[in-house]
Amino acid sequence: MTRVDCSGGQDRNTTTSETHPQRPPPKTRNCYLTGANGFDRDACGTNDNACTGHGGATACKPDNQGGYCQRGGQYYVSAGPGFTRLSRSDLLDRYKSGGGTDETSRIVERALDNQERKHTNRIRELQIMGKNPLVRGYKGSEGSEGSEGSEVHNFVRDMLFNIGIGASVIIFLISVSIILIQSKII
C-alpha cells in the first residue's frame, strides 16, 4: 500500500475518514472551501482542491487551529464558500490562544472522559449488585469481606484505639494536676 499525502503533508489513510470523504484532515481544514470545490478524499495526491486561487495545494500549511494558506507574505483561511485574509497579528493570535486545542490535548481529554465513564459504570454496577463500592474493608485470608481475619483485625484496631484514648485522657489529667499543684491551687 502506498502512502498518499493530502495537502499540508497529511496522510490520507490516518487523517481522513473513508466513511466521511468530504471531511478534511483536522490540521488542514481551513485550506478547503465548503461546497463543490471542497475537500475530496479521493483527490488527495493528485488534484487536491486546497487553497484554490490562493497558491494551490502546496500553499496549505497545517497547524493545530486548522491550517491556513500562504501565498507570498499573505495568509488566508476558508470562510465557507470563500477565503478570508489574515493579518500577521491574526496569525500570531491563533498561536497565542491555542491552549487546549491541539490534537494531543483532545486525545488526552477523550482518554480521561473514557476512564471516568468506565469508573462511573463500575460504581453503578456494584450499587445495582447491592455492594457499597466506596467502602473498602480488609480482605481476609479467604479474600472476602467479613471473614475471620477481618473480625480479628477490627477487634485489635478498636482495642488499640480505646487504649490510645484512655492514655490521652490520663496524661491530660496528670498534666492538669501538675499545673494546679505548681500554681499552689491544690
Protein backbone atom coordinates (compact mmCIF):
# COMPACT_ATOMS: atom_id res chain seq x y z
CA MET A 1 0.00 0.00 0.00
CA THR A 2 1.45 3.36 -0.98
CA ARG A 3 1.25 6.40 1.20
CA VAL A 4 -0.87 9.15 -0.32
CA ASP A 5 -0.50 12.64 1.13
CA CYS A 6 -3.19 15.30 1.04
CA SER A 7 -2.24 18.98 1.14
CA GLY A 8 -0.08 20.00 4.06
CA GLY A 9 1.59 16.58 4.19
CA GLN A 10 -1.45 14.94 5.82
CA ASP A 11 -1.52 11.17 5.32
CA ARG A 12 -4.83 10.23 3.72
CA ASN A 13 -5.03 6.86 5.48
CA THR A 14 -4.55 8.16 9.03
CA THR A 15 -6.00 11.71 8.99
CA THR A 16 -9.13 11.34 6.83
CA SER A 17 -12.25 9.23 7.07
CA GLU A 18 -13.36 6.70 4.47
CA THR A 19 -16.93 6.96 5.75
CA HIS A 20 -16.94 10.78 5.51
CA PRO A 21 -14.86 11.52 2.40
CA GLN A 22 -15.90 15.19 2.37
CA ARG A 23 -14.35 15.84 5.83
CA PRO A 24 -10.79 17.27 5.53
CA PRO A 25 -7.97 16.44 7.97
CA PRO A 26 -8.28 18.49 11.19
CA LYS A 27 -4.89 20.18 10.77
CA THR A 28 -5.72 21.49 7.26
CA ARG A 29 -9.50 22.01 7.34
CA ASN A 30 -9.13 25.79 6.80
CA CYS A 31 -7.36 25.19 3.46
CA TYR A 32 -10.56 23.88 1.87
CA LEU A 33 -13.77 25.65 0.84
CA THR A 34 -17.18 24.20 1.59
CA GLY A 35 -19.40 23.03 -1.22
CA ALA A 36 -18.45 21.73 -4.66
CA ASN A 37 -14.84 22.99 -4.50
CA GLY A 38 -14.25 21.50 -1.05
CA PHE A 39 -12.25 18.54 0.15
CA ASP A 40 -12.41 15.23 -1.73
CA ARG A 41 -10.57 12.31 -0.14
CA ASP A 42 -10.13 10.57 -3.48
CA ALA A 43 -8.37 13.64 -4.96
CA CYS A 44 -5.57 13.61 -2.37
CA GLY A 45 -2.16 13.39 -4.00
CA THR A 46 -3.43 14.22 -7.49
CA ASN A 47 -5.87 17.14 -7.88
CA ASP A 48 -6.32 18.41 -4.33
CA ASN A 49 -8.62 21.46 -4.03
CA ALA A 50 -6.72 23.06 -1.16
CA CYS A 51 -6.10 26.83 -1.28
CA THR A 52 -7.86 27.17 -4.64
CA GLY A 53 -6.94 30.58 -6.05
CA HIS A 54 -4.53 31.28 -3.20
CA GLY A 55 -1.42 29.32 -4.10
CA GLY A 56 -2.83 25.84 -4.67
CA ALA A 57 -2.20 22.64 -2.74
CA THR A 58 1.44 23.49 -1.97
CA ALA A 59 0.38 26.70 -0.17
CA CYS A 60 -1.53 24.81 2.54
CA LYS A 61 0.26 24.95 5.92
CA PRO A 62 -1.01 22.64 8.67
CA ASP A 63 -1.37 23.77 12.27
CA ASN A 64 -3.40 22.85 15.34
CA GLN A 65 -6.04 25.52 14.59
CA GLY A 66 -6.98 24.04 11.20
CA GLY A 67 -4.24 25.29 8.92
CA TYR A 68 -4.02 28.25 6.54
CA CYS A 69 -2.98 29.11 3.00
CA GLN A 70 0.21 31.11 2.48
CA ARG A 71 0.91 32.85 -0.80
CA GLY A 72 3.91 35.13 -0.63
CA GLY A 73 3.56 37.18 2.55
CA GLN A 74 -0.24 36.86 2.70
CA TYR A 75 -2.24 34.37 4.73
CA TYR A 76 -5.78 33.06 4.10
CA VAL A 77 -8.29 30.77 5.82
CA SER A 78 -11.51 29.39 4.39
CA ALA A 79 -14.72 31.06 5.48
CA GLY A 80 -17.42 28.88 3.94
CA PRO A 81 -17.59 29.44 0.17
CA GLY A 82 -14.62 31.87 0.06
CA PHE A 83 -11.30 32.73 1.68
CA THR A 84 -10.64 35.44 4.28
CA ARG A 85 -7.30 37.18 4.51
CA LEU A 86 -5.49 37.05 7.85
CA SER A 87 -3.23 39.82 9.01
CA ARG A 88 0.06 38.88 10.62
CA SER A 89 -1.35 39.79 14.04
CA ASP A 90 -4.36 37.49 13.40
CA LEU A 91 -1.94 34.71 12.55
CA LEU A 92 0.02 35.32 15.77
CA ASP A 93 -3.21 35.41 17.81
CA ARG A 94 -4.07 31.94 16.51
CA TYR A 95 -0.95 30.60 18.21
CA LYS A 96 -1.29 32.66 21.37
CA SER A 97 -4.82 31.50 22.11
CA GLY A 98 -4.24 27.89 21.10
CA GLY A 99 -4.31 26.46 24.63
CA GLY A 100 -6.04 23.12 24.76
CA THR A 101 -6.96 22.95 21.08
CA ASP A 102 -4.11 20.82 19.81
CA GLU A 103 -4.63 17.21 18.82
CA THR A 104 -2.73 15.83 21.84
CA SER A 105 -4.98 17.69 24.27
CA ARG A 106 -8.07 16.32 22.54
CA ILE A 107 -6.73 12.77 22.71
CA VAL A 108 -5.87 13.10 26.40
CA GLU A 109 -9.26 14.62 27.14
CA ARG A 110 -11.05 11.77 25.35
CA ALA A 111 -9.00 9.19 27.26
CA LEU A 112 -9.80 10.85 30.60
CA ASP A 113 -13.50 11.02 29.73
CA ASN A 114 -13.44 7.36 28.74
CA GLN A 115 -11.72 6.39 32.01
CA GLU A 116 -14.23 8.42 34.04
CA ARG A 117 -17.11 6.76 32.17
CA LYS A 118 -15.71 3.27 32.89
CA HIS A 119 -15.21 4.10 36.57
CA THR A 120 -18.73 5.50 36.91
CA ASN A 121 -20.18 2.44 35.20
CA ARG A 122 -18.30 0.16 37.61
CA ILE A 123 -19.65 2.08 40.62
CA ARG A 124 -23.21 1.85 39.26
CA GLU A 125 -22.76 -1.87 38.58
CA LEU A 126 -21.64 -2.50 42.17
CA GLN A 127 -24.52 -0.42 43.53
CA ILE A 128 -27.01 -2.46 41.49
CA MET A 129 -25.50 -5.65 42.93
CA GLY A 130 -26.11 -4.27 46.44
CA LYS A 131 -22.48 -3.57 47.33
CA ASN A 132 -21.06 -0.28 48.51
CA PRO A 133 -18.18 0.43 46.11
CA LEU A 134 -16.81 3.35 48.08
CA VAL A 135 -16.11 1.50 51.36
CA ARG A 136 -13.05 -0.71 51.30
CA GLY A 137 -12.51 -3.19 54.10
CA TYR A 138 -9.67 -5.52 54.91
CA LYS A 139 -9.84 -8.71 52.88
CA GLY A 140 -9.11 -11.75 54.99
CA SER A 141 -7.11 -14.81 54.02
CA GLU A 142 -10.09 -16.16 52.06
CA GLY A 143 -10.28 -12.87 50.12
CA SER A 144 -13.81 -11.94 51.18
CA GLU A 145 -15.03 -9.25 53.49
CA GLY A 146 -16.46 -10.35 56.80
CA SER A 147 -14.14 -13.32 57.11
CA GLU A 148 -12.42 -14.34 60.35
CA GLY A 149 -9.31 -12.28 59.62
CA SER A 150 -11.37 -9.16 59.17
CA GLU A 151 -13.08 -9.55 62.57
CA VAL A 152 -9.76 -10.09 64.35
CA HIS A 153 -8.20 -7.04 62.75
CA ASN A 154 -11.24 -4.90 63.58
CA PHE A 155 -11.10 -6.05 67.22
CA VAL A 156 -7.37 -5.28 67.54
CA ARG A 157 -7.82 -1.91 65.83
CA ASP A 158 -10.70 -0.96 68.16
CA MET A 159 -8.79 -2.13 71.25
CA LEU A 160 -5.69 -0.09 70.33
CA PHE A 161 -7.86 2.95 69.60
CA ASN A 162 -9.51 2.69 73.04
CA ILE A 163 -6.13 2.28 74.77
CA GLY A 164 -4.86 5.40 72.96
CA ILE A 165 -7.89 7.46 74.02
CA GLY A 166 -7.58 6.24 77.61
CA ALA A 167 -3.84 7.03 77.75
CA SER A 168 -4.50 10.51 76.35
CA VAL A 169 -7.14 11.24 78.99
CA ILE A 170 -4.84 10.02 81.82
CA ILE A 171 -1.92 12.15 80.56
CA PHE A 172 -4.23 15.18 80.28
CA LEU A 173 -5.46 14.73 83.87
CA ILE A 174 -1.90 14.31 85.21
CA SER A 175 -0.81 17.47 83.34
CA VAL A 176 -3.71 19.48 84.77
CA SER A 177 -2.90 18.18 88.26
CA ILE A 178 0.79 19.16 87.95
CA ILE A 179 -0.16 22.66 86.73
CA LEU A 180 -2.60 23.10 89.62
CA ILE A 181 -0.01 21.90 92.17
CA GLN A 182 2.65 24.26 90.80
CA SER A 183 0.21 27.16 90.93
CA LYS A 184 -0.49 26.21 94.56
CA ILE A 185 -4.17 25.91 93.86
CA ILE A 186 -4.23 22.38 95.25
